[in-house]
């Protein structure tokens, strides 16, 4: 049976008591989120940007928790933030991408949180560094925290794309492999950066068996003081949730399992054949390397590499495979070949 994913919803920033309460009431009525989110302290790139209302907003969030019975959550970036949210009765917090990139800050927050019964959400760092993400989670685990959730919010793109951040799905997939007991949810708002793309990102996340979604929602997005382009109205959140196809993680059907295992067995055979072929290719690459050394020729032959990349990519395209996939694959093979020949 498919279970509704965890839903964390609310505005990018707490801007006024009226805005917080109105958004929370609408969300409770329409989608009953598991947590109501709002940024209290906003780490901004430029100092003149809106940086949040500060501690004043914690009282507004407490009203949401007390009057609407929705647990509240906000971002913390230092020990002082942890102490303040504890004073206002918060039971959860998240660590943002910029903070996760600094192990000193993460450790400071973990130390401050020790002794409190917090549920902790750890966003991925801005750059695609799986070890940094794992390390932030482990700092809490080492202090005895067990209720930890990873949040995939995308990675900084070094070139312009339609999305604010690149999802780089292979990284949360690798995190799931390394930490199989860890729940991972997705923040499609920060990946998309634009409400037009939130639904497709959210669906992709659920297709990858992610356990929930963190979605930014504002009662009046056009007037939002931060990230107005990626915030949905509560009604739009309801429509989004209703449109998502929630996949089953397993099915109790013998015929289905048999069919799946047959196809997986074929994949296994092909994978081992690929490995054998790669072994043969690298053996030839090493022979080429020895010939280059004996004739004092440079390892990298850029014209040859360009021809290989273009010809393989074109061949792949002609038989219905992605040029991008083959280019990425052969780039990794070429990188390894260069390393072997040096």
Protein backbone atom coordinates (compact mmCIF):
# COMPACT_ATOMS: atom_id res chain seq x y z
CA UNK A 1 0.00 0.00 0.00
CA UNK A 2 1.34 3.46 -0.91
CA UNK A 3 1.74 5.79 2.07
CA UNK A 4 1.45 9.56 1.78
CA UNK A 5 4.91 11.07 2.01
CA UNK A 6 5.93 13.32 4.87
CA UNK A 7 4.94 16.90 4.06
CA UNK A 8 6.74 19.96 5.40
CA UNK A 9 5.12 23.15 4.21
CA UNK A 10 5.16 26.88 4.82
CA UNK A 11 6.67 30.14 3.66
CA UNK A 12 10.29 30.74 2.82
CA UNK A 13 10.35 33.37 5.59
CA UNK A 14 8.20 34.37 8.52
CA UNK A 15 7.34 37.96 7.62
CA UNK A 16 4.48 38.90 9.94
CA UNK A 17 2.28 37.21 12.50
CA UNK A 18 -0.71 37.58 10.18
CA UNK A 19 1.14 36.02 7.22
CA UNK A 20 2.40 33.09 9.29
CA UNK A 21 -0.97 32.29 10.86
CA UNK A 22 -2.99 32.74 7.67
CA UNK A 23 -0.67 30.45 5.71
CA UNK A 24 -0.62 27.86 8.48
CA UNK A 25 -4.42 27.82 8.80
CA UNK A 26 -4.92 27.36 5.08
CA UNK A 27 -2.32 24.61 4.89
CA UNK A 28 -3.82 22.74 7.86
CA UNK A 29 -7.27 22.89 6.26
CA UNK A 30 -6.12 21.86 2.77
CA UNK A 31 -3.20 19.43 3.21
CA UNK A 32 -2.61 18.89 6.96
CA UNK A 33 1.21 19.07 6.78
CA UNK A 34 3.36 17.09 9.20
CA UNK A 35 5.39 20.23 9.91
CA UNK A 36 4.89 23.93 9.32
CA UNK A 37 8.12 25.56 8.13
CA UNK A 38 9.27 29.16 7.99
CA UNK A 39 12.69 30.76 7.98
CA UNK A 40 13.36 32.96 11.01
CA UNK A 41 17.00 33.75 10.30
CA UNK A 42 17.79 33.96 6.58
CA UNK A 43 21.42 33.57 5.48
CA UNK A 44 21.60 35.88 2.46
CA UNK A 45 24.40 36.42 -0.05
CA UNK A 46 24.13 40.21 0.17
CA UNK A 47 23.77 42.06 3.52
CA UNK A 48 21.05 44.40 2.26
CA UNK A 49 18.69 41.52 1.45
CA UNK A 50 15.88 40.53 3.82
CA UNK A 51 17.57 38.44 6.50
CA UNK A 52 14.51 37.37 8.48
CA UNK A 53 12.62 38.83 11.42
CA UNK A 54 14.73 37.03 14.01
CA UNK A 55 13.54 35.86 17.40
CA UNK A 56 10.30 37.84 17.12
CA UNK A 57 9.07 35.27 14.59
CA UNK A 58 9.52 32.38 17.01
CA UNK A 59 6.50 33.57 19.01
CA UNK A 60 4.40 33.51 15.82
CA UNK A 61 5.55 29.96 15.10
CA UNK A 62 4.74 28.93 18.67
CA UNK A 63 1.17 30.15 18.12
CA UNK A 64 0.92 27.88 15.07
CA UNK A 65 2.11 24.91 17.14
CA UNK A 66 -0.12 25.69 20.12
CA UNK A 67 -3.31 26.76 18.33
CA UNK A 68 -3.24 24.54 15.24
CA UNK A 69 -1.38 21.51 16.65
CA UNK A 70 1.10 21.50 13.78
CA UNK A 71 4.73 20.92 14.81
CA UNK A 72 6.88 23.80 13.61
CA UNK A 73 10.37 23.78 12.13
CA UNK A 74 12.91 26.40 11.13
CA UNK A 75 16.54 26.67 10.04
CA UNK A 76 19.31 27.10 12.60
CA UNK A 77 22.84 28.21 11.80
CA UNK A 78 24.51 28.47 15.21
CA UNK A 79 24.24 27.41 18.85
CA UNK A 80 22.32 30.56 19.81
CA UNK A 81 19.56 29.66 17.33
CA UNK A 82 19.25 26.19 18.88
CA UNK A 83 18.88 27.64 22.37
CA UNK A 84 16.21 30.10 21.19
CA UNK A 85 14.04 27.54 19.39
CA UNK A 86 14.26 25.23 22.41
CA UNK A 87 12.94 28.07 24.59
CA UNK A 88 9.91 28.41 22.30
CA UNK A 89 9.14 24.69 22.31
CA UNK A 90 10.31 23.67 18.84
CA UNK A 91 10.77 19.92 18.39
CA UNK A 92 12.62 20.04 15.07
CA UNK A 93 15.03 22.14 13.05
CA UNK A 94 16.92 21.96 9.78
CA UNK A 95 20.48 22.87 8.89
CA UNK A 96 20.83 24.71 5.61
CA UNK A 97 23.16 23.99 2.72
CA UNK A 98 25.62 26.77 3.55
CA UNK A 99 25.92 25.69 7.17
CA UNK A 100 26.40 22.03 6.25
CA UNK A 101 29.44 23.10 4.22
CA UNK A 102 31.16 24.17 7.47
CA UNK A 103 31.92 21.23 9.82
CA UNK A 104 32.77 23.63 12.68
CA UNK A 105 29.27 25.15 12.50
CA UNK A 106 27.62 21.74 12.30
CA UNK A 107 29.51 20.51 15.36
CA UNK A 108 28.59 23.67 17.28
CA UNK A 109 24.92 23.13 16.50
CA UNK A 110 25.10 19.42 17.38
CA UNK A 111 26.71 20.21 20.74
CA UNK A 112 24.05 22.83 21.50
CA UNK A 113 21.24 20.41 20.58
CA UNK A 114 22.52 17.65 22.85
CA UNK A 115 20.11 17.03 25.69
CA UNK A 116 17.07 18.17 23.70
CA UNK A 117 14.64 15.83 21.95
CA UNK A 118 14.95 17.37 18.48
CA UNK A 119 14.14 15.81 15.12
CA UNK A 120 16.96 17.00 12.88
CA UNK A 121 16.83 17.64 9.14
CA UNK A 122 20.16 18.00 7.33
CA UNK A 123 20.17 19.56 3.88
CA UNK A 124 22.89 18.67 1.40
CA UNK A 125 25.79 21.14 1.01
CA UNK A 126 25.74 23.60 -1.88
CA UNK A 127 28.42 21.65 -3.77
CA UNK A 128 28.01 17.95 -4.66
CA UNK A 129 30.17 16.55 -1.84
CA UNK A 130 28.66 13.33 -0.51
CA UNK A 131 31.26 13.00 2.25
CA UNK A 132 30.45 16.48 3.59
CA UNK A 133 26.76 15.57 3.72
CA UNK A 134 27.47 12.24 5.43
CA UNK A 135 29.85 13.94 7.85
CA UNK A 136 27.21 16.45 8.97
CA UNK A 137 24.75 13.63 9.66
CA UNK A 138 27.39 11.58 11.49
CA UNK A 139 28.18 14.47 13.84
CA UNK A 140 24.65 14.21 15.20
CA UNK A 141 24.68 10.41 15.22
CA UNK A 142 27.85 10.39 17.32
CA UNK A 143 26.08 12.48 19.96
CA UNK A 144 23.25 9.95 20.15
CA UNK A 145 20.66 11.55 17.87
CA UNK A 146 18.63 8.92 16.03
CA UNK A 147 15.74 10.89 14.53
CA UNK A 148 17.62 12.42 11.58
CA UNK A 149 16.32 13.11 8.08
CA UNK A 150 18.40 14.10 5.06
CA UNK A 151 16.98 16.76 2.74
CA UNK A 152 17.95 16.76 -0.93
CA UNK A 153 17.69 20.40 -2.07
CA UNK A 154 19.90 20.34 -5.14
CA UNK A 155 23.39 21.60 -5.88
CA UNK A 156 24.75 24.87 -7.15
CA UNK A 157 24.89 24.88 -10.97
CA UNK A 158 28.07 26.26 -12.46
CA UNK A 159 26.24 27.08 -15.68
CA UNK A 160 22.82 28.59 -16.30
CA UNK A 161 19.95 26.08 -16.29
CA UNK A 162 16.17 26.33 -16.09
CA UNK A 163 16.42 25.13 -12.48
CA UNK A 164 17.80 27.08 -9.54
CA UNK A 165 19.81 24.07 -8.39
CA UNK A 166 20.72 20.78 -10.07
CA UNK A 167 19.04 17.75 -8.47
CA UNK A 168 22.06 15.46 -9.09
CA UNK A 169 19.89 12.48 -8.10
CA UNK A 170 22.91 10.17 -8.03
CA UNK A 171 24.09 11.84 -4.82
CA UNK A 172 21.01 11.20 -2.64
CA UNK A 173 20.90 7.71 -4.18
CA UNK A 174 24.48 7.16 -3.00
CA UNK A 175 23.56 8.55 0.43
CA UNK A 176 20.74 5.99 0.62
CA UNK A 177 23.23 3.24 -0.26
CA UNK A 178 25.64 4.34 2.45
CA UNK A 179 23.00 5.00 5.11
CA UNK A 180 20.09 2.66 4.29
CA UNK A 181 18.24 3.36 7.56
CA UNK A 182 18.23 7.12 6.95
CA UNK A 183 15.09 8.80 5.67
CA UNK A 184 15.66 11.14 2.73
CA UNK A 185 13.17 13.77 1.63
CA UNK A 186 13.28 16.31 -1.20
CA UNK A 187 13.00 20.09 -1.26
CA UNK A 188 11.65 20.65 -4.80
CA UNK A 189 11.16 24.37 -4.17
CA UNK A 190 14.89 25.04 -3.90
CA UNK A 191 15.76 22.71 -6.76
CA UNK A 192 13.18 24.32 -9.04
CA UNK A 193 13.49 27.96 -8.06
CA UNK A 194 10.31 28.46 -10.09
CA UNK A 195 6.84 27.14 -9.35
CA UNK A 196 6.53 25.86 -12.94
CA UNK A 197 8.99 23.05 -12.23
CA UNK A 198 8.10 22.04 -8.67
CA UNK A 199 5.64 19.30 -9.67
CA UNK A 200 8.05 17.48 -11.98
CA UNK A 201 10.84 17.60 -9.38
CA UNK A 202 8.51 16.38 -6.65
CA UNK A 203 7.35 13.47 -8.81
CA UNK A 204 10.92 12.50 -9.67
CA UNK A 205 11.75 12.46 -5.96
CA UNK A 206 8.82 10.17 -5.16
CA UNK A 207 9.79 7.93 -8.07
CA UNK A 208 13.14 7.51 -6.30
CA UNK A 209 11.33 6.41 -3.11
CA UNK A 210 12.09 9.57 -1.17
CA UNK A 211 10.12 9.71 2.05
CA UNK A 212 8.69 13.20 1.80
CA UNK A 213 8.69 16.72 0.46
CA UNK A 214 9.57 20.15 1.86
CA UNK A 215 7.55 22.68 -0.15
CA UNK A 216 7.51 26.43 0.25
CA UNK A 217 4.02 27.91 0.48
CA UNK A 218 2.90 31.48 1.10
CA UNK A 219 -0.62 32.88 1.43
CA UNK A 220 0.33 35.66 -0.99
CA UNK A 221 3.51 34.66 -2.88
CA UNK A 222 3.63 37.77 -5.07
CA UNK A 223 4.20 39.85 -1.93
CA UNK A 224 6.80 37.54 -0.36
CA UNK A 225 9.97 39.19 0.91
CA UNK A 226 12.17 36.32 -0.24
CA UNK A 227 12.06 33.66 -2.99
CA UNK A 228 8.62 34.68 -4.26
CA UNK A 229 9.07 32.79 -7.55
CA UNK A 230 9.28 29.37 -5.89
CA UNK A 231 6.42 29.63 -3.38
CA UNK A 232 3.03 28.04 -4.03
CA UNK A 233 -0.24 29.14 -2.50
CA UNK A 234 -1.79 26.60 -0.10
CA UNK A 235 -4.40 25.76 -2.76
CA UNK A 236 -1.63 25.11 -5.28
CA UNK A 237 0.06 22.82 -2.76
CA UNK A 238 -3.19 20.88 -2.40
CA UNK A 239 -3.45 20.52 -6.19
CA UNK A 240 0.18 19.47 -6.42
CA UNK A 241 -0.17 16.77 -3.77
CA UNK A 242 -3.32 15.52 -5.47
CA UNK A 243 -1.52 15.22 -8.81
CA UNK A 244 1.45 13.23 -7.54
CA UNK A 245 1.60 9.50 -8.18
CA UNK A 246 2.83 7.85 -5.00
CA UNK A 247 4.73 4.70 -5.86
CA UNK A 248 4.68 1.51 -3.83
CA UNK A 249 8.02 0.48 -2.37
CA UNK A 250 7.11 -3.21 -2.72
CA UNK A 251 4.29 -5.46 -3.87
CA UNK A 252 3.18 -8.86 -2.62
CA UNK A 253 2.70 -10.51 -6.00
CA UNK A 254 4.64 -13.67 -6.88
CA UNK A 255 4.31 -13.27 -10.65
CA UNK A 256 5.47 -9.67 -10.45
CA UNK A 257 8.49 -10.65 -8.37
CA UNK A 258 9.39 -13.46 -10.76
CA UNK A 259 9.17 -11.17 -13.80
CA UNK A 260 11.24 -8.52 -12.05
CA UNK A 261 13.92 -11.01 -10.99
CA UNK A 262 14.15 -12.42 -14.53
CA UNK A 263 14.80 -8.96 -15.94
CA UNK A 264 17.24 -8.12 -13.14
CA UNK A 265 19.16 -11.31 -13.88
CA UNK A 266 19.56 -10.17 -17.48
CA UNK A 267 20.85 -6.83 -16.23
CA UNK A 268 23.33 -8.64 -13.96
CA UNK A 269 24.73 -10.61 -16.91
CA UNK A 270 25.11 -7.48 -19.05
CA UNK A 271 26.75 -5.56 -16.20
CA UNK A 272 29.42 -8.22 -15.77
CA UNK A 273 29.96 -8.26 -19.52
CA UNK A 274 30.46 -4.50 -19.43
CA UNK A 275 33.06 -4.90 -16.70
CA UNK A 276 34.88 -7.58 -18.69
CA UNK A 277 34.89 -5.34 -21.77
CA UNK A 278 36.23 -2.43 -19.72
CA UNK A 279 39.00 -4.67 -18.42
CA UNK A 280 39.97 -5.54 -22.00
CA UNK A 281 39.83 -1.88 -23.04
CA UNK A 282 42.10 -0.76 -20.21
CA UNK A 283 44.57 -3.54 -21.05
CA UNK A 284 44.85 -2.10 -24.58
CA UNK A 285 45.05 1.42 -23.14
CA UNK A 286 48.04 0.33 -21.06
CA UNK A 287 49.73 -1.11 -24.15
CA UNK A 288 49.24 2.24 -25.89
CA UNK A 289 50.72 3.95 -22.85
CA UNK A 290 53.86 1.81 -23.02
CA UNK A 291 54.30 2.61 -26.71
CA UNK A 292 53.93 6.34 -25.98
CA UNK A 293 56.55 6.12 -23.24
CA UNK A 294 59.03 4.29 -25.47
CA UNK A 295 58.70 7.03 -28.10
CA UNK A 296 58.60 9.92 -25.57
CA UNK A 297 55.09 10.93 -26.64
CA UNK A 298 52.70 12.86 -24.34
CA UNK A 299 49.93 10.85 -22.72
CA UNK A 300 47.12 13.21 -23.75
CA UNK A 301 46.42 13.36 -27.48
CA UNK A 302 43.65 15.94 -27.57
CA UNK A 303 42.73 15.54 -31.26
CA UNK A 304 42.32 11.79 -30.83
CA UNK A 305 40.21 12.31 -27.71
CA UNK A 306 37.91 14.76 -29.51
CA UNK A 307 37.36 12.25 -32.33
CA UNK A 308 36.61 9.44 -29.86
CA UNK A 309 34.15 11.54 -27.90
CA UNK A 310 32.32 12.82 -30.98
CA UNK A 311 32.17 9.48 -32.80
CA UNK A 312 30.92 7.54 -29.75
CA UNK A 313 28.37 10.21 -28.90
CA UNK A 314 27.08 10.31 -32.47
CA UNK A 315 26.85 6.51 -32.64
CA UNK A 316 24.91 6.47 -29.37
CA UNK A 317 22.52 9.12 -30.65
CA UNK A 318 21.91 7.12 -33.85
CA UNK A 319 20.82 4.05 -31.88
CA UNK A 320 18.62 6.00 -29.49
CA UNK A 321 20.92 6.61 -26.53
CA UNK A 322 21.63 9.95 -24.90
CA UNK A 323 24.70 11.79 -26.20
CA UNK A 324 25.10 13.30 -22.72
CA UNK A 325 25.14 9.87 -21.08
CA UNK A 326 27.80 8.50 -23.44
CA UNK A 327 29.88 11.68 -23.19
CA UNK A 328 29.84 11.44 -19.39
CA UNK A 329 30.65 7.71 -19.47
CA UNK A 330 33.54 8.05 -21.91
CA UNK A 331 34.89 11.08 -20.04
CA UNK A 332 35.23 8.92 -16.94
CA UNK A 333 36.84 6.11 -18.96
CA UNK A 334 39.23 8.60 -20.55
CA UNK A 335 40.11 10.09 -17.17
CA UNK A 336 40.98 6.61 -15.87
CA UNK A 337 42.97 5.81 -19.02
CA UNK A 338 45.06 8.97 -18.60
CA UNK A 339 45.72 8.04 -14.98
CA UNK A 340 46.78 4.51 -15.96
CA UNK A 341 49.17 5.77 -18.67
CA UNK A 342 50.99 8.28 -16.48
